[in-house]
Amino acid sequence: MTTADPDMKLRILLAAKKLFARQGYDGTSVRQICEEAGANVALVSYYFGGKENLLRAIFEQFFSGNRIKDSGDLLSHPVEGLTLLIREIIFFGLEDSELSNIIKQEIELTSPRADIVRIYVQPVWKKVRELLERGRNEGFFHFDSLDHTLMFVIGAALSFKIHTAHSSLLENTNYDSGVTADHIVKLVLASLRATDISS
């Protein structure tokens, strides 16, 4: 293989991500992916061992939640940790709409690949749940039901994804990631009656 092989591998990943997001996993063939990438069809087997492993490789390469493992100290305080996670989820959804759409499709369809997606997504939501529970136990958050609060936080963090469906109700449909994250974090912390970290 030539020195351009790493570039070809990345081109295949990017092509697959684009087509899976647009056409769905089942609606996309390996041949289409390779045509989009300008690659030989045999390279999908060579690099990834097939289409399903290609999906896994997309998550390994592009899913920002993989960084949670390396964020130990940043996630140690319930308020700071929850703020960081919500912001990361919002940035991910707005900045990588393709992978975000793949996650949504596979989970909503409860496809055979939903378990692959959950391997990557569930640790993020488990960490959110852990921070909520610890924050309540330590007096930083005030709420009754952990389950209902978790579902509210998930809904709030993902709410920007449906803004196009409700664009006729909105004043603005062109959202800046940072401004969106700031507003949603502020609303979530207010609803949790979060105690100021400095107090």
N, C-alpha and C. Protein backbone atom coordinates (compact mmCIF):
# COMPACT_ATOMS: atom_id res chain seq x y z
N MET A 1 0.84 -1.19 0.00
CA MET A 1 0.00 0.00 0.00
C MET A 1 0.89 1.26 0.00
N THR A 2 0.39 2.32 -0.55
CA THR A 2 1.17 3.54 -0.71
C THR A 2 1.11 4.41 0.54
N THR A 3 1.91 5.47 0.55
CA THR A 3 1.92 6.38 1.70
C THR A 3 0.62 7.17 1.82
N ALA A 4 -0.19 7.19 0.76
CA ALA A 4 -1.46 7.91 0.80
C ALA A 4 -2.56 7.09 1.46
N ASP A 5 -2.26 5.87 1.89
CA ASP A 5 -3.27 4.98 2.47
C ASP A 5 -4.01 5.58 3.67
N PRO A 6 -3.31 6.21 4.63
CA PRO A 6 -4.06 6.80 5.75
C PRO A 6 -5.09 7.83 5.29
N ASP A 7 -4.74 8.59 4.26
CA ASP A 7 -5.69 9.56 3.71
C ASP A 7 -6.89 8.84 3.10
N MET A 8 -6.64 7.73 2.41
CA MET A 8 -7.72 6.97 1.81
C MET A 8 -8.64 6.39 2.89
N LYS A 9 -8.05 5.90 3.96
CA LYS A 9 -8.85 5.35 5.07
C LYS A 9 -9.78 6.43 5.63
N LEU A 10 -9.24 7.63 5.83
CA LEU A 10 -10.05 8.74 6.33
C LEU A 10 -11.12 9.15 5.32
N ARG A 11 -10.77 9.15 4.04
CA ARG A 11 -11.77 9.47 3.02
C ARG A 11 -12.92 8.48 3.02
N ILE A 12 -12.62 7.21 3.23
CA ILE A 12 -13.68 6.20 3.31
C ILE A 12 -14.56 6.46 4.53
N LEU A 13 -13.94 6.77 5.67
CA LEU A 13 -14.71 7.06 6.89
C LEU A 13 -15.62 8.27 6.68
N LEU A 14 -15.09 9.33 6.09
CA LEU A 14 -15.88 10.54 5.87
C LEU A 14 -17.01 10.29 4.88
N ALA A 15 -16.73 9.53 3.84
CA ALA A 15 -17.77 9.20 2.85
C ALA A 15 -18.88 8.37 3.49
N ALA A 16 -18.50 7.38 4.28
CA ALA A 16 -19.49 6.52 4.94
C ALA A 16 -20.34 7.34 5.91
N LYS A 17 -19.70 8.22 6.67
CA LYS A 17 -20.43 9.05 7.64
C LYS A 17 -21.45 9.92 6.91
N LYS A 18 -21.03 10.53 5.82
CA LYS A 18 -21.92 11.39 5.04
C LYS A 18 -23.11 10.60 4.48
N LEU A 19 -22.83 9.45 3.90
CA LEU A 19 -23.90 8.66 3.26
C LEU A 19 -24.81 7.98 4.29
N PHE A 20 -24.24 7.46 5.37
CA PHE A 20 -25.08 6.86 6.42
C PHE A 20 -26.04 7.91 6.99
N ALA A 21 -25.54 9.14 7.18
CA ALA A 21 -26.38 10.21 7.72
C ALA A 21 -27.49 10.58 6.75
N ARG A 22 -27.18 10.60 5.47
CA ARG A 22 -28.13 11.04 4.46
C ARG A 22 -29.11 9.93 4.06
N GLN A 23 -28.60 8.71 3.86
CA GLN A 23 -29.40 7.62 3.30
C GLN A 23 -29.73 6.51 4.29
N GLY A 24 -29.12 6.58 5.48
CA GLY A 24 -29.26 5.50 6.44
C GLY A 24 -28.26 4.40 6.17
N TYR A 25 -27.97 3.62 7.19
CA TYR A 25 -27.01 2.52 7.07
C TYR A 25 -27.49 1.50 6.04
N ASP A 26 -28.75 1.07 6.18
CA ASP A 26 -29.28 0.04 5.27
C ASP A 26 -29.42 0.55 3.84
N GLY A 27 -29.61 1.85 3.67
CA GLY A 27 -29.78 2.41 2.35
C GLY A 27 -28.48 2.76 1.64
N THR A 28 -27.37 2.44 2.27
CA THR A 28 -26.05 2.78 1.72
C THR A 28 -25.26 1.51 1.46
N SER A 29 -24.75 1.38 0.27
CA SER A 29 -23.93 0.20 -0.07
C SER A 29 -22.45 0.53 0.05
N VAL A 30 -21.65 -0.50 0.21
CA VAL A 30 -20.20 -0.33 0.24
C VAL A 30 -19.72 0.28 -1.07
N ARG A 31 -20.33 -0.13 -2.16
CA ARG A 31 -19.97 0.42 -3.47
C ARG A 31 -20.20 1.95 -3.50
N GLN A 32 -21.34 2.41 -2.97
CA GLN A 32 -21.62 3.85 -2.94
C GLN A 32 -20.59 4.60 -2.09
N ILE A 33 -20.24 4.00 -0.96
CA ILE A 33 -19.24 4.62 -0.08
C ILE A 33 -17.91 4.78 -0.82
N CYS A 34 -17.50 3.72 -1.50
CA CYS A 34 -16.23 3.75 -2.22
C CYS A 34 -16.27 4.71 -3.40
N GLU A 35 -17.40 4.80 -4.08
CA GLU A 35 -17.53 5.78 -5.16
C GLU A 35 -17.39 7.19 -4.61
N GLU A 36 -18.05 7.45 -3.48
CA GLU A 36 -17.97 8.78 -2.84
C GLU A 36 -16.54 9.10 -2.42
N ALA A 37 -15.81 8.08 -1.94
CA ALA A 37 -14.44 8.28 -1.45
C ALA A 37 -13.40 8.20 -2.56
N GLY A 38 -13.80 7.71 -3.72
CA GLY A 38 -12.83 7.48 -4.80
C GLY A 38 -11.90 6.34 -4.45
N ALA A 39 -12.46 5.28 -3.85
CA ALA A 39 -11.66 4.16 -3.35
C ALA A 39 -12.08 2.86 -4.03
N ASN A 40 -11.18 1.91 -4.01
CA ASN A 40 -11.47 0.56 -4.47
C ASN A 40 -12.35 -0.13 -3.44
N VAL A 41 -13.37 -0.85 -3.89
CA VAL A 41 -14.33 -1.51 -2.99
C VAL A 41 -13.63 -2.45 -2.01
N ALA A 42 -12.57 -3.08 -2.44
CA ALA A 42 -11.85 -4.04 -1.58
C ALA A 42 -11.25 -3.38 -0.35
N LEU A 43 -11.05 -2.06 -0.39
CA LEU A 43 -10.41 -1.37 0.74
C LEU A 43 -11.28 -1.34 1.99
N VAL A 44 -12.60 -1.42 1.84
CA VAL A 44 -13.46 -1.45 3.03
C VAL A 44 -13.18 -2.72 3.83
N SER A 45 -13.05 -3.84 3.15
CA SER A 45 -12.70 -5.09 3.84
C SER A 45 -11.28 -5.03 4.38
N TYR A 46 -10.37 -4.47 3.59
CA TYR A 46 -8.96 -4.41 3.99
C TYR A 46 -8.78 -3.58 5.26
N TYR A 47 -9.37 -2.38 5.26
CA TYR A 47 -9.18 -1.48 6.40
C TYR A 47 -10.09 -1.80 7.58
N PHE A 48 -11.33 -2.21 7.30
CA PHE A 48 -12.33 -2.28 8.36
C PHE A 48 -12.94 -3.66 8.58
N GLY A 49 -12.77 -4.56 7.63
CA GLY A 49 -13.35 -5.89 7.80
C GLY A 49 -14.84 -5.93 7.54
N GLY A 50 -15.37 -4.94 6.82
CA GLY A 50 -16.79 -4.94 6.46
C GLY A 50 -17.50 -3.66 6.88
N LYS A 51 -18.73 -3.59 6.45
CA LYS A 51 -19.54 -2.37 6.63
C LYS A 51 -19.86 -2.10 8.10
N GLU A 52 -20.19 -3.13 8.88
CA GLU A 52 -20.53 -2.90 10.29
C GLU A 52 -19.32 -2.40 11.08
N ASN A 53 -18.16 -2.97 10.80
CA ASN A 53 -16.94 -2.49 11.47
C ASN A 53 -16.58 -1.08 11.01
N LEU A 54 -16.97 -0.73 9.79
CA LEU A 54 -16.79 0.63 9.32
C LEU A 54 -17.61 1.60 10.17
N LEU A 55 -18.83 1.20 10.53
CA LEU A 55 -19.65 2.03 11.41
C LEU A 55 -18.96 2.22 12.76
N ARG A 56 -18.44 1.13 13.31
CA ARG A 56 -17.70 1.23 14.58
C ARG A 56 -16.51 2.19 14.45
N ALA A 57 -15.80 2.07 13.34
CA ALA A 57 -14.62 2.93 13.13
C ALA A 57 -15.01 4.40 13.05
N ILE A 58 -16.18 4.69 12.49
CA ILE A 58 -16.67 6.08 12.44
C ILE A 58 -16.81 6.62 13.86
N PHE A 59 -17.39 5.82 14.76
CA PHE A 59 -17.55 6.25 16.15
C PHE A 59 -16.20 6.40 16.84
N GLU A 60 -15.30 5.46 16.59
CA GLU A 60 -13.96 5.55 17.20
C GLU A 60 -13.25 6.83 16.76
N GLN A 61 -13.42 7.19 15.51
CA GLN A 61 -12.72 8.34 14.95
C GLN A 61 -13.36 9.68 15.32
N PHE A 62 -14.70 9.74 15.30
CA PHE A 62 -15.37 11.05 15.33
C PHE A 62 -16.22 11.32 16.56
N PHE A 63 -16.57 10.31 17.37
CA PHE A 63 -17.50 10.56 18.48
C PHE A 63 -16.80 11.28 19.61
N SER A 64 -17.25 12.48 19.90
CA SER A 64 -16.57 13.31 20.91
C SER A 64 -16.73 12.77 22.31
N GLY A 65 -17.74 11.94 22.56
CA GLY A 65 -17.93 11.35 23.88
C GLY A 65 -16.79 10.46 24.31
N ASN A 66 -15.96 10.03 23.35
CA ASN A 66 -14.80 9.22 23.68
C ASN A 66 -13.84 9.98 24.59
N ARG A 67 -13.91 11.30 24.59
CA ARG A 67 -13.00 12.12 25.41
C ARG A 67 -13.37 12.11 26.89
N ILE A 68 -14.54 11.57 27.25
CA ILE A 68 -14.96 11.56 28.65
C ILE A 68 -13.95 10.83 29.51
N LYS A 69 -13.40 9.74 28.99
CA LYS A 69 -12.43 8.95 29.75
C LYS A 69 -11.23 9.80 30.18
N ASP A 70 -10.90 10.81 29.38
CA ASP A 70 -9.73 11.64 29.66
C ASP A 70 -10.08 12.93 30.40
N SER A 71 -11.32 13.05 30.88
CA SER A 71 -11.76 14.30 31.49
C SER A 71 -12.03 14.15 32.98
N GLY A 72 -11.39 13.20 33.62
CA GLY A 72 -11.65 12.88 35.03
C GLY A 72 -11.81 14.07 35.95
N ASP A 73 -10.77 14.91 36.08
CA ASP A 73 -10.80 16.04 37.00
C ASP A 73 -11.85 17.07 36.60
N LEU A 74 -12.02 17.28 35.30
CA LEU A 74 -12.99 18.27 34.83
C LEU A 74 -14.43 17.86 35.16
N LEU A 75 -14.66 16.56 35.34
CA LEU A 75 -16.00 16.07 35.62
C LEU A 75 -16.20 15.75 37.10
N SER A 76 -15.24 16.12 37.95
CA SER A 76 -15.32 15.71 39.35
C SER A 76 -16.37 16.49 40.16
N HIS A 77 -16.62 17.74 39.80
CA HIS A 77 -17.60 18.54 40.52
C HIS A 77 -18.94 18.46 39.79
N PRO A 78 -20.04 18.18 40.50
CA PRO A 78 -21.34 18.00 39.82
C PRO A 78 -21.76 19.16 38.92
N VAL A 79 -21.63 20.41 39.39
CA VAL A 79 -22.08 21.54 38.59
C VAL A 79 -21.15 21.76 37.40
N GLU A 80 -19.85 21.77 37.65
CA GLU A 80 -18.88 21.96 36.57
C GLU A 80 -18.95 20.81 35.57
N GLY A 81 -19.05 19.59 36.08
CA GLY A 81 -19.10 18.41 35.22
C GLY A 81 -20.33 18.38 34.34
N LEU A 82 -21.50 18.68 34.94
CA LEU A 82 -22.74 18.69 34.17
C LEU A 82 -22.70 19.79 33.11
N THR A 83 -22.18 20.95 33.48
CA THR A 83 -22.04 22.05 32.53
C THR A 83 -21.17 21.63 31.35
N LEU A 84 -20.04 21.02 31.64
CA LEU A 84 -19.12 20.58 30.60
C LEU A 84 -19.78 19.55 29.68
N LEU A 85 -20.47 18.58 30.25
CA LEU A 85 -21.10 17.53 29.44
C LEU A 85 -22.21 18.08 28.55
N ILE A 86 -23.06 18.93 29.11
CA ILE A 86 -24.14 19.51 28.31
C ILE A 86 -23.57 20.32 27.16
N ARG A 87 -22.56 21.12 27.44
CA ARG A 87 -21.92 21.91 26.38
C ARG A 87 -21.33 20.99 25.31
N GLU A 88 -20.67 19.93 25.71
CA GLU A 88 -20.05 19.00 24.76
C GLU A 88 -21.10 18.33 23.88
N ILE A 89 -22.22 17.94 24.48
CA ILE A 89 -23.31 17.31 23.72
C ILE A 89 -23.87 18.28 22.69
N ILE A 90 -24.06 19.53 23.09
CA ILE A 90 -24.60 20.54 22.18
C ILE A 90 -23.62 20.83 21.05
N PHE A 91 -22.35 21.02 21.39
CA PHE A 91 -21.35 21.27 20.36
C PHE A 91 -21.28 20.10 19.38
N PHE A 92 -21.29 18.89 19.91
CA PHE A 92 -21.23 17.70 19.05
C PHE A 92 -22.41 17.68 18.07
N GLY A 93 -23.61 17.91 18.58
CA GLY A 93 -24.80 17.85 17.74
C GLY A 93 -24.83 18.93 16.67
N LEU A 94 -24.36 20.12 17.02
CA LEU A 94 -24.38 21.22 16.06
C LEU A 94 -23.21 21.16 15.08
N GLU A 95 -22.08 20.62 15.53
CA GLU A 95 -20.89 20.65 14.70
C GLU A 95 -20.66 19.35 13.93
N ASP A 96 -21.27 18.26 14.35
CA ASP A 96 -21.18 17.00 13.59
C ASP A 96 -22.58 16.45 13.41
N SER A 97 -23.36 17.15 12.61
CA SER A 97 -24.75 16.75 12.41
C SER A 97 -24.85 15.38 11.73
N GLU A 98 -23.84 15.00 10.96
CA GLU A 98 -23.88 13.70 10.29
C GLU A 98 -23.86 12.56 11.31
N LEU A 99 -22.90 12.57 12.22
CA LEU A 99 -22.82 11.50 13.21
C LEU A 99 -24.02 11.56 14.16
N SER A 100 -24.44 12.77 14.47
CA SER A 100 -25.62 12.94 15.31
C SER A 100 -26.85 12.32 14.65
N ASN A 101 -26.99 12.51 13.33
CA ASN A 101 -28.12 11.89 12.60
C ASN A 101 -28.02 10.38 12.58
N ILE A 102 -26.82 9.85 12.45
CA ILE A 102 -26.63 8.39 12.46
C ILE A 102 -27.09 7.83 13.80
N ILE A 103 -26.69 8.47 14.89
CA ILE A 103 -27.10 8.03 16.23
C ILE A 103 -28.61 8.03 16.34
N LYS A 104 -29.23 9.13 15.93
CA LYS A 104 -30.68 9.27 16.01
C LYS A 104 -31.38 8.18 15.20
N GLN A 105 -30.94 7.96 13.97
CA GLN A 105 -31.55 6.94 13.11
C GLN A 105 -31.46 5.55 13.72
N GLU A 106 -30.28 5.17 14.15
CA GLU A 106 -30.08 3.80 14.64
C GLU A 106 -30.83 3.55 15.95
N ILE A 107 -30.86 4.55 16.83
CA ILE A 107 -31.57 4.39 18.11
C ILE A 107 -33.08 4.37 17.89
N GLU A 108 -33.59 5.31 17.09
CA GLU A 108 -35.04 5.38 16.87
C GLU A 108 -35.57 4.17 16.13
N LEU A 109 -34.78 3.63 15.21
CA LEU A 109 -35.22 2.45 14.45
C LEU A 109 -35.00 1.15 15.22
N THR A 110 -34.37 1.26 16.40
CA THR A 110 -33.93 0.08 17.16
C THR A 110 -33.36 -0.96 16.19
N SER A 111 -32.43 -0.50 15.39
CA SER A 111 -31.80 -1.33 14.37
C SER A 111 -30.88 -2.35 15.02
N PRO A 112 -30.44 -3.32 14.25
CA PRO A 112 -29.46 -4.28 14.78
C PRO A 112 -28.15 -3.61 15.22
N ARG A 113 -27.92 -2.39 14.75
CA ARG A 113 -26.70 -1.67 15.12
C ARG A 113 -26.91 -0.73 16.31
N ALA A 114 -28.10 -0.67 16.85
CA ALA A 114 -28.37 0.23 17.99
C ALA A 114 -27.45 -0.08 19.16
N ASP A 115 -27.12 -1.36 19.35
CA ASP A 115 -26.21 -1.72 20.45
C ASP A 115 -24.81 -1.16 20.24
N ILE A 116 -24.37 -1.11 18.99
CA ILE A 116 -23.07 -0.50 18.69
C ILE A 116 -23.10 0.97 19.08
N VAL A 117 -24.17 1.66 18.71
CA VAL A 117 -24.30 3.08 19.02
C VAL A 117 -24.34 3.29 20.54
N ARG A 118 -25.09 2.44 21.24
CA ARG A 118 -25.22 2.59 22.70
C ARG A 118 -23.88 2.43 23.40
N ILE A 119 -22.99 1.59 22.88
CA ILE A 119 -21.67 1.42 23.49
C ILE A 119 -20.97 2.76 23.62
N TYR A 120 -21.18 3.65 22.66
CA TYR A 120 -20.52 4.95 22.67
C TYR A 120 -21.35 6.01 23.39
N VAL A 121 -22.66 5.96 23.23
CA VAL A 121 -23.53 7.02 23.75
C VAL A 121 -23.85 6.84 25.23
N GLN A 122 -24.09 5.61 25.66
CA GLN A 122 -24.53 5.36 27.04
C GLN A 122 -23.55 5.87 28.10
N PRO A 123 -22.23 5.74 27.93
CA PRO A 123 -21.34 6.28 28.97
C PRO A 123 -21.52 7.77 29.22
N VAL A 124 -21.88 8.52 28.18
CA VAL A 124 -22.11 9.96 28.34
C VAL A 124 -23.32 10.18 29.24
N TRP A 125 -24.44 9.49 28.93
CA TRP A 125 -25.66 9.68 29.71
C TRP A 125 -25.52 9.08 31.11
N LYS A 126 -24.74 8.01 31.26
CA LYS A 126 -24.49 7.46 32.60
C LYS A 126 -23.73 8.46 33.46
N LYS A 127 -22.78 9.16 32.83
CA LYS A 127 -22.03 10.17 33.56
C LYS A 127 -22.94 11.34 33.96
N VAL A 128 -23.85 11.73 33.07
CA VAL A 128 -24.81 12.78 33.41
C VAL A 128 -25.64 12.34 34.61
N ARG A 129 -26.14 11.10 34.58
CA ARG A 129 -26.94 10.58 35.69
C ARG A 129 -26.13 10.57 37.00
N GLU A 130 -24.90 10.13 36.90
CA GLU A 130 -24.03 10.08 38.08
C GLU A 130 -23.82 11.48 38.67
N LEU A 131 -23.59 12.47 37.81
CA LEU A 131 -23.39 13.84 38.28
C LEU A 131 -24.66 14.41 38.91
N LEU A 132 -25.81 14.11 38.31
CA LEU A 132 -27.08 14.56 38.89
C LEU A 132 -27.28 13.96 40.28
N GLU A 133 -27.06 12.66 40.38
CA GLU A 133 -27.27 11.97 41.66
C GLU A 133 -26.30 12.48 42.72
N ARG A 134 -25.03 12.60 42.35
CA ARG A 134 -24.04 13.08 43.30
C ARG A 134 -24.32 14.53 43.68
N GLY A 135 -24.72 15.34 42.68
CA GLY A 135 -25.03 16.74 42.96
C GLY A 135 -26.19 16.89 43.92
N ARG A 136 -27.20 16.03 43.77
CA ARG A 136 -28.34 16.09 44.71
C ARG A 136 -27.89 15.65 46.10
N ASN A 137 -27.13 14.56 46.18
CA ASN A 137 -26.67 14.04 47.47
C ASN A 137 -25.79 15.04 48.21
N GLU A 138 -25.02 15.82 47.44
CA GLU A 138 -24.10 16.78 48.05
C GLU A 138 -24.71 18.18 48.20
N GLY A 139 -25.99 18.33 47.81
CA GLY A 139 -26.70 19.59 48.01
C GLY A 139 -26.49 20.62 46.92
N PHE A 140 -25.89 20.26 45.81
CA PHE A 140 -25.69 21.21 44.72
C PHE A 140 -26.93 21.33 43.83
N PHE A 141 -27.70 20.23 43.70
CA PHE A 141 -28.91 20.22 42.90
C PHE A 141 -30.10 19.89 43.78
N HIS A 142 -31.26 20.39 43.39
CA HIS A 142 -32.49 20.15 44.16
C HIS A 142 -33.59 19.71 43.20
N PHE A 143 -33.95 18.43 43.27
CA PHE A 143 -35.01 17.87 42.43
C PHE A 143 -35.53 16.61 43.12
N ASP A 144 -36.71 16.15 42.69
CA ASP A 144 -37.33 14.98 43.31
C ASP A 144 -36.92 13.67 42.62
N SER A 145 -37.31 13.50 41.38
CA SER A 145 -37.09 12.23 40.68
C SER A 145 -35.83 12.28 39.82
N LEU A 146 -34.89 11.38 40.11
CA LEU A 146 -33.67 11.30 39.32
C LEU A 146 -33.99 10.91 37.87
N ASP A 147 -34.90 9.96 37.69
CA ASP A 147 -35.25 9.51 36.33
C ASP A 147 -35.86 10.64 35.51
N HIS A 148 -36.84 11.35 36.09
CA HIS A 148 -37.48 12.44 35.35
C HIS A 148 -36.50 13.58 35.07
N THR A 149 -35.64 13.85 36.03
CA THR A 149 -34.66 14.92 35.85
C THR A 149 -33.66 14.55 34.77
N LEU A 150 -33.22 13.29 34.77
CA LEU A 150 -32.30 12.83 33.72
C LEU A 150 -32.94 12.98 32.34
N MET A 151 -34.20 12.58 32.21
CA MET A 151 -34.87 12.68 30.92
C MET A 151 -35.04 14.15 30.50
N PHE A 152 -35.28 15.03 31.47
CA PHE A 152 -35.37 16.46 31.17
C PHE A 152 -34.03 16.98 30.64
N VAL A 153 -32.94 16.60 31.32
CA VAL A 153 -31.62 17.07 30.90
C VAL A 153 -31.27 16.54 29.51
N ILE A 154 -31.58 15.27 29.27
CA ILE A 154 -31.34 14.70 27.94
C ILE A 154 -32.13 15.49 26.89
N GLY A 155 -33.41 15.73 27.18
CA GLY A 155 -34.25 16.48 26.25
C GLY A 155 -33.72 17.88 26.00
N ALA A 156 -33.30 18.54 27.06
CA ALA A 156 -32.77 19.91 26.92
C ALA A 156 -31.48 19.91 26.10
N ALA A 157 -30.60 18.96 26.38
CA ALA A 157 -29.32 18.90 25.67
C ALA A 157 -29.50 18.59 24.19
N LEU A 158 -30.55 17.84 23.86
CA LEU A 158 -30.78 17.46 22.46
C LEU A 158 -31.81 18.35 21.76
N SER A 159 -32.39 19.31 22.48
CA SER A 159 -33.49 20.11 21.93
C SER A 159 -33.12 20.87 20.67
N PHE A 160 -31.89 21.34 20.56
CA PHE A 160 -31.46 22.10 19.40
C PHE A 160 -31.58 21.28 18.12
N LYS A 161 -31.58 19.95 18.23
CA LYS A 161 -31.63 19.09 17.05
C LYS A 161 -32.96 19.18 16.31
N ILE A 162 -34.02 19.59 17.02
CA ILE A 162 -35.34 19.65 16.36
C ILE A 162 -35.74 21.08 16.03
N HIS A 163 -34.81 22.02 16.15
CA HIS A 163 -35.20 23.42 15.93
C HIS A 163 -35.69 23.66 14.50
N THR A 164 -35.18 22.90 13.52
CA THR A 164 -35.65 23.11 12.15
C THR A 164 -37.11 22.69 11.98
N ALA A 165 -37.54 21.70 12.75
CA ALA A 165 -38.93 21.25 12.67
C ALA A 165 -39.90 22.31 13.20
N HIS A 166 -39.40 23.22 14.03
CA HIS A 166 -40.24 24.24 14.64
C HIS A 166 -39.78 25.65 14.25
N SER A 167 -39.13 25.75 13.11
CA SER A 167 -38.54 27.04 12.72
C SER A 167 -39.56 28.16 12.60
N SER A 168 -40.80 27.83 12.25
CA SER A 168 -41.81 28.89 12.11
C SER A 168 -42.17 29.52 13.46
N LEU A 169 -41.84 28.86 14.55
CA LEU A 169 -42.14 29.39 15.88
C LEU A 169 -40.97 30.18 16.47
N LEU A 170 -39.82 30.11 15.83
CA LEU A 170 -38.60 30.67 16.41
C LEU A 170 -38.27 32.04 15.83
N GLU A 171 -37.66 32.88 16.67
CA GLU A 171 -37.20 34.19 16.21
C GLU A 171 -35.95 34.06 15.35
N ASN A 172 -35.13 33.06 15.68
CA ASN A 172 -33.84 32.89 15.02
C ASN A 172 -33.66 31.41 14.70
N THR A 173 -33.22 31.10 13.51
CA THR A 173 -32.96 29.70 13.17
C THR A 173 -31.50 29.47 12.84
N ASN A 174 -30.69 30.48 13.05
CA ASN A 174 -29.26 30.38 12.78
C ASN A 174 -28.52 30.44 14.11
N TYR A 175 -28.18 29.28 14.66
CA TYR A 175 -27.66 29.23 16.02
C TYR A 175 -26.15 29.09 16.09
N ASP A 176 -25.56 29.87 16.95
CA ASP A 176 -24.15 29.76 17.29
C ASP A 176 -24.02 28.71 18.39
N SER A 177 -23.09 27.79 18.25
CA SER A 177 -22.93 26.69 19.21
C SER A 177 -22.71 27.19 20.63
N GLY A 178 -21.82 28.17 20.78
CA GLY A 178 -21.51 28.67 22.12
C GLY A 178 -22.69 29.35 22.79
N VAL A 179 -23.40 30.19 22.03
CA VAL A 179 -24.57 30.89 22.58
C VAL A 179 -25.66 29.89 22.94
N THR A 180 -25.90 28.91 22.06
CA THR A 180 -26.90 27.87 22.33
C THR A 180 -26.54 27.11 23.59
N ALA A 181 -25.28 26.70 23.70
CA ALA A 181 -24.84 25.95 24.88
C ALA A 181 -25.02 26.78 26.15
N ASP A 182 -24.64 28.06 26.11
CA ASP A 182 -24.78 28.93 27.28
C ASP A 182 -26.23 29.01 27.74
N HIS A 183 -27.16 29.21 26.80
CA HIS A 183 -28.58 29.33 27.14
C HIS A 183 -29.12 28.04 27.73
N ILE A 184 -28.81 26.93 27.11
CA ILE A 184 -29.36 25.65 27.59
C ILE A 184 -28.78 25.29 28.95
N VAL A 185 -27.48 25.48 29.13
CA VAL A 185 -26.86 25.19 30.43
C VAL A 185 -27.50 26.06 31.51
N LYS A 186 -27.71 27.33 31.22
CA LYS A 186 -28.32 28.25 32.20
C LYS A 186 -29.72 27.78 32.59
N LEU A 187 -30.51 27.36 31.60
CA LEU A 187 -31.87 26.87 31.87
C LEU A 187 -31.85 25.58 32.69
N VAL A 188 -30.96 24.67 32.34
CA VAL A 188 -30.88 23.40 33.07
C VAL A 188 -30.47 23.66 34.52
N LEU A 189 -29.43 24.45 34.73
CA LEU A 189 -28.96 24.71 36.10
C LEU A 189 -30.02 25.44 36.92
N ALA A 190 -30.74 26.36 36.27
CA ALA A 190 -31.82 27.06 36.98
C ALA A 190 -32.91 26.08 37.38
N SER A 191 -33.25 25.16 36.49
CA SER A 191 -34.32 24.20 36.81
C SER A 191 -33.90 23.22 37.91
N LEU A 192 -32.60 22.98 38.01
CA LEU A 192 -32.09 22.10 39.08
C LEU A 192 -31.88 22.87 40.38
N ARG A 193 -32.13 24.18 40.33
CA ARG A 193 -31.86 25.07 41.47
C ARG A 193 -30.44 24.85 41.98
N ALA A 194 -29.52 24.85 41.01
CA ALA A 194 -28.12 24.56 41.31
C ALA A 194 -27.54 25.60 42.23
N THR A 195 -26.79 25.14 43.21
CA THR A 195 -26.08 26.01 44.15
C THR A 195 -24.83 26.51 43.49
N ASP A 196 -24.54 27.78 43.68
CA ASP A 196 -23.33 28.37 43.13
C ASP A 196 -22.11 27.61 43.67
N ILE A 197 -21.18 27.31 42.77
CA ILE A 197 -19.99 26.53 43.13
C ILE A 197 -19.18 27.24 44.21
N SER A 198 -19.11 28.55 44.14
CA SER A 198 -18.27 29.31 45.08
C SER A 198 -18.85 29.41 46.47
N SER A 199 -20.17 29.03 46.63
CA SER A 199 -20.77 29.20 47.96
C SER A 199 -20.55 27.99 48.84
